[in-house]
């Protein structure tokens, strides 16, 4: 699919959902212009994000003993070196309340990754948060990292760009509605869900290692 065809496809979806769009928004790259993160990197990032999310939830509720259990699981799954800067703060005691909140929201970044890894059929509905129970089970039912990887298959660049283009234009509508024009229609989109899933999708195609460092402009 060419970038123009992708844009037209996305705009047709937005029309069907009653979501406003701006025809002048840039097009996403073509598949031959992007380089996806490699399979092992994506799998490790997904597992690390899920476990850190769970750890952050426990810390947010002052359940330090349970938080320690997830720290052990991060070592068990051998993803210690796949943590981003905010996640690493969970282990040295320097994480702020905002850091912990940001990590909890990584649930949605993770949801985008497990879609990209073929564990979920579709994430185009951004009206509500992910299925947390299912999100946990993708990792909790595995004996280790290799077992998790055996259940995954990375989608093509074209598929990922299709979904990213949709979330990019979702994000524009949300920002426009919240900060510029309240009459801009966003349908039933959840702005936080859109933002975080877009972050995960953008991470898949960019050189940036830490997804919190990605600029999510619209």
C-alpha atoms as a PDB file:
ATOM      1  CA  UNK A   1       0.000   0.000   0.000  1.00  0.00           C
ATOM      2  CA  UNK A   2       1.347   3.417  -0.913  1.00  0.00           C
ATOM      3  CA  UNK A   3       1.325   6.217   1.682  1.00  0.00           C
ATOM      4  CA  UNK A   4      -1.472   7.940  -0.270  1.00  0.00           C
ATOM      5  CA  UNK A   5      -3.567   4.754  -0.372  1.00  0.00           C
ATOM      6  CA  UNK A   6      -2.964   4.257   3.349  1.00  0.00           C
ATOM      7  CA  UNK A   7      -4.064   7.817   4.103  1.00  0.00           C
ATOM      8  CA  UNK A   8      -7.243   7.398   2.045  1.00  0.00           C
ATOM      9  CA  UNK A   9      -7.997   4.084   3.762  1.00  0.00           C
ATOM     10  CA  UNK A  10      -7.571   5.675   7.185  1.00  0.00           C
ATOM     11  CA  UNK A  11      -9.761   8.645   6.304  1.00  0.00           C
ATOM     12  CA  UNK A  12     -12.506   6.269   5.163  1.00  0.00           C
ATOM     13  CA  UNK A  13     -12.337   4.542   8.554  1.00  0.00           C
ATOM     14  CA  UNK A  14     -12.542   7.906  10.324  1.00  0.00           C
ATOM     15  CA  UNK A  15     -15.593   8.873   8.268  1.00  0.00           C
ATOM     16  CA  UNK A  16     -17.307   5.623   9.237  1.00  0.00           C
ATOM     17  CA  UNK A  17     -16.545   6.270  12.919  1.00  0.00           C
ATOM     18  CA  UNK A  18     -17.640   9.908  12.753  1.00  0.00           C
ATOM     19  CA  UNK A  19     -14.187  11.177  13.734  1.00  0.00           C
ATOM     20  CA  UNK A  20     -12.899  14.469  12.345  1.00  0.00           C
ATOM     21  CA  UNK A  21      -9.690  14.564  10.327  1.00  0.00           C
ATOM     22  CA  UNK A  22      -7.442  17.105   8.638  1.00  0.00           C
ATOM     23  CA  UNK A  23      -6.705  16.275   5.024  1.00  0.00           C
ATOM     24  CA  UNK A  24      -3.432  18.214   5.181  1.00  0.00           C
ATOM     25  CA  UNK A  25      -1.795  15.946   7.766  1.00  0.00           C
ATOM     26  CA  UNK A  26       1.410  14.340   6.462  1.00  0.00           C
ATOM     27  CA  UNK A  27       1.383  10.794   5.180  1.00  0.00           C
ATOM     28  CA  UNK A  28       3.265   8.017   6.937  1.00  0.00           C
ATOM     29  CA  UNK A  29       6.333   6.543   5.275  1.00  0.00           C
ATOM     30  CA  UNK A  30       6.158   3.692   2.802  1.00  0.00           C
ATOM     31  CA  UNK A  31       7.103   0.250   4.097  1.00  0.00           C
ATOM     32  CA  UNK A  32      10.436   0.280   2.245  1.00  0.00           C
ATOM     33  CA  UNK A  33      11.437   3.475   4.067  1.00  0.00           C
ATOM     34  CA  UNK A  34      11.147   2.098   7.590  1.00  0.00           C
ATOM     35  CA  UNK A  35      13.120  -0.426   9.547  1.00  0.00           C
ATOM     36  CA  UNK A  36      11.200  -2.286  12.209  1.00  0.00           C
ATOM     37  CA  UNK A  37      12.758  -3.092  15.543  1.00  0.00           C
ATOM     38  CA  UNK A  38      13.951  -6.694  15.401  1.00  0.00           C
ATOM     39  CA  UNK A  39      11.788  -9.517  16.739  1.00  0.00           C
ATOM     40  CA  UNK A  40      13.880 -10.228  19.848  1.00  0.00           C
ATOM     41  CA  UNK A  41      13.958  -6.539  20.824  1.00  0.00           C
ATOM     42  CA  UNK A  42      10.177  -6.209  20.471  1.00  0.00           C
ATOM     43  CA  UNK A  43       9.539  -9.353  22.515  1.00  0.00           C
ATOM     44  CA  UNK A  44      11.877  -8.262  25.297  1.00  0.00           C
ATOM     45  CA  UNK A  45      10.378  -4.751  25.376  1.00  0.00           C
ATOM     46  CA  UNK A  46       6.875  -6.196  25.571  1.00  0.00           C
ATOM     47  CA  UNK A  47       7.681  -8.502  28.488  1.00  0.00           C
ATOM     48  CA  UNK A  48       9.677  -5.827  30.325  1.00  0.00           C
ATOM     49  CA  UNK A  49       6.864  -3.289  29.906  1.00  0.00           C
ATOM     50  CA  UNK A  50       4.177  -5.665  31.171  1.00  0.00           C
ATOM     51  CA  UNK A  51       6.166  -6.669  34.255  1.00  0.00           C
ATOM     52  CA  UNK A  52       7.168  -3.072  35.038  1.00  0.00           C
ATOM     53  CA  UNK A  53       3.555  -1.992  34.654  1.00  0.00           C
ATOM     54  CA  UNK A  54       2.528  -4.581  37.222  1.00  0.00           C
ATOM     55  CA  UNK A  55       5.343  -3.543  39.511  1.00  0.00           C
ATOM     56  CA  UNK A  56       4.320   0.123  39.230  1.00  0.00           C
ATOM     57  CA  UNK A  57       0.713  -0.729  40.088  1.00  0.00           C
ATOM     58  CA  UNK A  58       1.871  -2.474  43.267  1.00  0.00           C
ATOM     59  CA  UNK A  59       4.131   0.436  44.227  1.00  0.00           C
ATOM     60  CA  UNK A  60       1.291   2.870  43.570  1.00  0.00           C
ATOM     61  CA  UNK A  61      -0.718   0.939  46.143  1.00  0.00           C
ATOM     62  CA  UNK A  62       2.256   0.684  48.555  1.00  0.00           C
ATOM     63  CA  UNK A  63       2.443  -3.088  48.144  1.00  0.00           C
ATOM     64  CA  UNK A  64       6.239  -3.259  48.200  1.00  0.00           C
ATOM     65  CA  UNK A  65       6.352  -7.015  48.825  1.00  0.00           C
ATOM     66  CA  UNK A  66       4.340  -7.743  45.681  1.00  0.00           C
ATOM     67  CA  UNK A  67       6.433  -5.226  43.763  1.00  0.00           C
ATOM     68  CA  UNK A  68       9.518  -7.238  44.674  1.00  0.00           C
ATOM     69  CA  UNK A  69       7.952 -10.330  43.120  1.00  0.00           C
ATOM     70  CA  UNK A  70       7.757  -8.589  39.757  1.00  0.00           C
ATOM     71  CA  UNK A  71      11.367  -7.500  40.097  1.00  0.00           C
ATOM     72  CA  UNK A  72      12.271 -11.189  40.404  1.00  0.00           C
ATOM     73  CA  UNK A  73      10.186 -12.003  37.334  1.00  0.00           C
ATOM     74  CA  UNK A  74      12.058  -9.389  35.307  1.00  0.00           C
ATOM     75  CA  UNK A  75      15.261 -11.270  36.124  1.00  0.00           C
ATOM     76  CA  UNK A  76      13.596 -14.633  35.424  1.00  0.00           C
ATOM     77  CA  UNK A  77      12.508 -13.497  31.947  1.00  0.00           C
ATOM     78  CA  UNK A  78      16.000 -12.047  31.356  1.00  0.00           C
ATOM     79  CA  UNK A  79      14.733  -8.600  30.374  1.00  0.00           C
ATOM     80  CA  UNK A  80      16.749  -6.535  32.874  1.00  0.00           C
ATOM     81  CA  UNK A  81      18.635  -4.852  30.033  1.00  0.00           C
ATOM     82  CA  UNK A  82      15.420  -3.964  28.199  1.00  0.00           C
ATOM     83  CA  UNK A  83      14.155  -1.439  30.746  1.00  0.00           C
ATOM     84  CA  UNK A  84      13.742   2.214  29.816  1.00  0.00           C
ATOM     85  CA  UNK A  85      14.904   5.086  32.026  1.00  0.00           C
ATOM     86  CA  UNK A  86      11.640   5.473  33.951  1.00  0.00           C
ATOM     87  CA  UNK A  87      11.326   1.730  34.532  1.00  0.00           C
ATOM     88  CA  UNK A  88      14.896   1.550  35.841  1.00  0.00           C
ATOM     89  CA  UNK A  89      13.963   4.075  38.538  1.00  0.00           C
ATOM     90  CA  UNK A  90      11.623   1.493  40.034  1.00  0.00           C
ATOM     91  CA  UNK A  91      14.687  -0.468  41.131  1.00  0.00           C
ATOM     92  CA  UNK A  92      16.842   2.288  42.642  1.00  0.00           C
ATOM     93  CA  UNK A  93      14.045   3.958  44.566  1.00  0.00           C
ATOM     94  CA  UNK A  94      14.178   7.208  42.607  1.00  0.00           C
ATOM     95  CA  UNK A  95      10.859   6.835  40.763  1.00  0.00           C
ATOM     96  CA  UNK A  96       8.550   9.785  41.386  1.00  0.00           C
ATOM     97  CA  UNK A  97       4.784   9.510  41.620  1.00  0.00           C
ATOM     98  CA  UNK A  98       4.614  10.774  38.036  1.00  0.00           C
ATOM     99  CA  UNK A  99       7.159   8.174  36.885  1.00  0.00           C
ATOM    100  CA  UNK A 100       5.020   5.433  38.414  1.00  0.00           C
ATOM    101  CA  UNK A 101       1.872   6.814  36.781  1.00  0.00           C
ATOM    102  CA  UNK A 102       3.639   6.964  33.407  1.00  0.00           C
ATOM    103  CA  UNK A 103       4.720   3.343  33.763  1.00  0.00           C
ATOM    104  CA  UNK A 104       1.210   2.202  34.685  1.00  0.00           C
ATOM    105  CA  UNK A 105      -0.009   3.747  31.419  1.00  0.00           C
ATOM    106  CA  UNK A 106       2.565   1.635  29.553  1.00  0.00           C
ATOM    107  CA  UNK A 107      -0.137  -1.021  29.604  1.00  0.00           C
ATOM    108  CA  UNK A 108      -1.420   0.571  26.399  1.00  0.00           C
ATOM    109  CA  UNK A 109       2.032   0.764  24.771  1.00  0.00           C
ATOM    110  CA  UNK A 110       2.388  -2.930  25.602  1.00  0.00           C
ATOM    111  CA  UNK A 111      -1.052  -3.622  24.084  1.00  0.00           C
ATOM    112  CA  UNK A 112       0.176  -2.114  20.809  1.00  0.00           C
ATOM    113  CA  UNK A 113       3.252  -4.358  20.930  1.00  0.00           C
ATOM    114  CA  UNK A 114       1.371  -7.592  21.564  1.00  0.00           C
ATOM    115  CA  UNK A 115      -0.872  -6.668  18.641  1.00  0.00           C
ATOM    116  CA  UNK A 116       2.263  -6.184  16.514  1.00  0.00           C
ATOM    117  CA  UNK A 117       3.473  -9.580  17.743  1.00  0.00           C
ATOM    118  CA  UNK A 118       0.277 -11.224  16.500  1.00  0.00           C
ATOM    119  CA  UNK A 119      -1.200 -12.031  19.918  1.00  0.00           C
ATOM    120  CA  UNK A 120      -4.233  -9.761  19.326  1.00  0.00           C
ATOM    121  CA  UNK A 121      -6.212  -9.540  16.100  1.00  0.00           C
ATOM    122  CA  UNK A 122      -7.171  -5.859  16.190  1.00  0.00           C
ATOM    123  CA  UNK A 123      -6.588  -2.719  18.272  1.00  0.00           C
ATOM    124  CA  UNK A 124      -8.416  -0.215  16.077  1.00  0.00           C
ATOM    125  CA  UNK A 125     -11.036   0.314  18.804  1.00  0.00           C
ATOM    126  CA  UNK A 126      -9.514   2.942  21.095  1.00  0.00           C
ATOM    127  CA  UNK A 127     -12.610   3.641  23.159  1.00  0.00           C
ATOM    128  CA  UNK A 128     -11.429   1.910  26.332  1.00  0.00           C
ATOM    129  CA  UNK A 129      -8.334   0.587  28.072  1.00  0.00           C
ATOM    130  CA  UNK A 130      -6.925  -2.785  27.124  1.00  0.00           C
ATOM    131  CA  UNK A 131      -8.099  -6.108  28.526  1.00  0.00           C
ATOM    132  CA  UNK A 132      -5.771  -6.160  31.547  1.00  0.00           C
ATOM    133  CA  UNK A 133      -6.409  -9.789  32.412  1.00  0.00           C
ATOM    134  CA  UNK A 134      -5.564 -10.944  28.897  1.00  0.00           C
ATOM    135  CA  UNK A 135      -2.573  -8.583  28.830  1.00  0.00           C
ATOM    136  CA  UNK A 136      -1.130 -10.270  31.917  1.00  0.00           C
ATOM    137  CA  UNK A 137      -1.843 -13.798  30.696  1.00  0.00           C
ATOM    138  CA  UNK A 138       0.225 -13.353  27.540  1.00  0.00           C
ATOM    139  CA  UNK A 139       3.265 -13.341  29.833  1.00  0.00           C
ATOM    140  CA  UNK A 140       2.103 -15.123  32.994  1.00  0.00           C
ATOM    141  CA  UNK A 141       1.281 -18.325  31.090  1.00  0.00           C
ATOM    142  CA  UNK A 142       4.806 -18.526  29.683  1.00  0.00           C
ATOM    143  CA  UNK A 143       7.686 -20.499  31.188  1.00  0.00           C
ATOM    144  CA  UNK A 144      10.210 -17.880  30.143  1.00  0.00           C
ATOM    145  CA  UNK A 145      11.215 -15.520  27.377  1.00  0.00           C
ATOM    146  CA  UNK A 146      11.716 -18.263  24.775  1.00  0.00           C
ATOM    147  CA  UNK A 147       8.255 -19.627  25.489  1.00  0.00           C
ATOM    148  CA  UNK A 148       6.771 -16.149  25.017  1.00  0.00           C
ATOM    149  CA  UNK A 149       8.681 -15.683  21.763  1.00  0.00           C
ATOM    150  CA  UNK A 150       7.455 -19.036  20.460  1.00  0.00           C
ATOM    151  CA  UNK A 151       3.888 -17.722  20.583  1.00  0.00           C
ATOM    152  CA  UNK A 152       4.671 -14.516  18.681  1.00  0.00           C
ATOM    153  CA  UNK A 153       5.127 -13.519  15.067  1.00  0.00           C
ATOM    154  CA  UNK A 154       5.979  -9.927  14.145  1.00  0.00           C
ATOM    155  CA  UNK A 155       3.554  -8.338  11.697  1.00  0.00           C
ATOM    156  CA  UNK A 156       4.762  -6.794   8.445  1.00  0.00           C
ATOM    157  CA  UNK A 157       5.841  -3.171   8.166  1.00  0.00           C
ATOM    158  CA  UNK A 158       2.762  -2.498   6.017  1.00  0.00           C
ATOM    159  CA  UNK A 159       0.382  -3.785   8.719  1.00  0.00           C
ATOM    160  CA  UNK A 160       2.122  -1.773  11.415  1.00  0.00           C
ATOM    161  CA  UNK A 161       2.124   1.387   9.308  1.00  0.00           C
ATOM    162  CA  UNK A 162      -1.594   0.943   8.592  1.00  0.00           C
ATOM    163  CA  UNK A 163      -2.355   0.884  12.314  1.00  0.00           C
ATOM    164  CA  UNK A 164       0.094   3.685  13.088  1.00  0.00           C
ATOM    165  CA  UNK A 165      -1.493   5.911  10.445  1.00  0.00           C
ATOM    166  CA  UNK A 166      -4.883   5.327  12.047  1.00  0.00           C
ATOM    167  CA  UNK A 167      -3.583   6.181  15.541  1.00  0.00           C
ATOM    168  CA  UNK A 168      -1.715   9.208  14.229  1.00  0.00           C
ATOM    169  CA  UNK A 169      -4.959  10.621  12.865  1.00  0.00           C
ATOM    170  CA  UNK A 170      -6.873   9.552  15.992  1.00  0.00           C
ATOM    171  CA  UNK A 171      -4.307  11.527  17.985  1.00  0.00           C
ATOM    172  CA  UNK A 172      -4.743  14.641  15.850  1.00  0.00           C
ATOM    173  CA  UNK A 173      -8.512  14.564  16.456  1.00  0.00           C
ATOM    174  CA  UNK A 174      -8.055  14.120  20.212  1.00  0.00           C
ATOM    175  CA  UNK A 175      -5.544  16.997  20.490  1.00  0.00           C
ATOM    176  CA  UNK A 176      -7.716  19.237  18.313  1.00  0.00           C
ATOM    177  CA  UNK A 177     -10.787  18.467  20.430  1.00  0.00           C
ATOM    178  CA  UNK A 178      -9.016  18.996  23.769  1.00  0.00           C
ATOM    179  CA  UNK A 179      -6.919  22.058  22.986  1.00  0.00           C
ATOM    180  CA  UNK A 180      -8.221  23.817  19.871  1.00  0.00           C
ATOM    181  CA  UNK A 181     -11.800  23.116  18.881  1.00  0.00           C
ATOM    182  CA  UNK A 182     -14.219  21.294  21.212  1.00  0.00           C
ATOM    183  CA  UNK A 183     -16.507  20.785  18.236  1.00  0.00           C
ATOM    184  CA  UNK A 184     -13.919  18.546  16.578  1.00  0.00           C
ATOM    185  CA  UNK A 185     -15.525  15.113  16.683  1.00  0.00           C
ATOM    186  CA  UNK A 186     -13.599  12.300  18.358  1.00  0.00           C
ATOM    187  CA  UNK A 187     -16.377   9.727  18.515  1.00  0.00           C
ATOM    188  CA  UNK A 188     -15.770   7.476  21.506  1.00  0.00           C
ATOM    189  CA  UNK A 189     -11.964   7.727  21.462  1.00  0.00           C
ATOM    190  CA  UNK A 190     -10.158   7.638  24.814  1.00  0.00           C
ATOM    191  CA  UNK A 191      -7.401  10.218  24.492  1.00  0.00           C
ATOM    192  CA  UNK A 192      -4.933   8.549  26.895  1.00  0.00           C
ATOM    193  CA  UNK A 193      -5.385   5.187  25.197  1.00  0.00           C
ATOM    194  CA  UNK A 194      -4.775   6.752  21.790  1.00  0.00           C
ATOM    195  CA  UNK A 195      -1.653   8.567  22.983  1.00  0.00           C
ATOM    196  CA  UNK A 196      -0.016   5.548  24.623  1.00  0.00           C
ATOM    197  CA  UNK A 197      -0.806   3.065  21.858  1.00  0.00           C
ATOM    198  CA  UNK A 198       0.563   5.488  19.306  1.00  0.00           C
ATOM    199  CA  UNK A 199       3.743   5.680  21.405  1.00  0.00           C
ATOM    200  CA  UNK A 200       4.136   1.903  21.200  1.00  0.00           C
ATOM    201  CA  UNK A 201       3.498   1.835  17.449  1.00  0.00           C
ATOM    202  CA  UNK A 202       5.915   4.705  16.782  1.00  0.00           C
ATOM    203  CA  UNK A 203       8.598   2.924  18.827  1.00  0.00           C
ATOM    204  CA  UNK A 204       8.397  -0.070  16.495  1.00  0.00           C
ATOM    205  CA  UNK A 205       9.558   1.939  13.479  1.00  0.00           C
ATOM    206  CA  UNK A 206      11.977   4.491  14.949  1.00  0.00           C
ATOM    207  CA  UNK A 207      15.614   4.452  16.061  1.00  0.00           C
ATOM    208  CA  UNK A 208      14.792   5.707  19.564  1.00  0.00           C
ATOM    209  CA  UNK A 209      15.391   3.068  22.238  1.00  0.00           C
ATOM    210  CA  UNK A 210      13.295   4.650  25.022  1.00  0.00           C
ATOM    211  CA  UNK A 211       9.701   5.217  23.965  1.00  0.00           C
ATOM    212  CA  UNK A 212       9.317   8.050  26.463  1.00  0.00           C
ATOM    213  CA  UNK A 213      11.820   9.995  24.340  1.00  0.00           C
ATOM    214  CA  UNK A 214       9.696   9.825  21.187  1.00  0.00           C
ATOM    215  CA  UNK A 215       8.117  13.116  20.082  1.00  0.00           C
ATOM    216  CA  UNK A 216       4.424  12.491  19.445  1.00  0.00           C
ATOM    217  CA  UNK A 217       3.582  15.613  17.485  1.00  0.00           C
ATOM    218  CA  UNK A 218       0.380  15.966  15.488  1.00  0.00           C
END
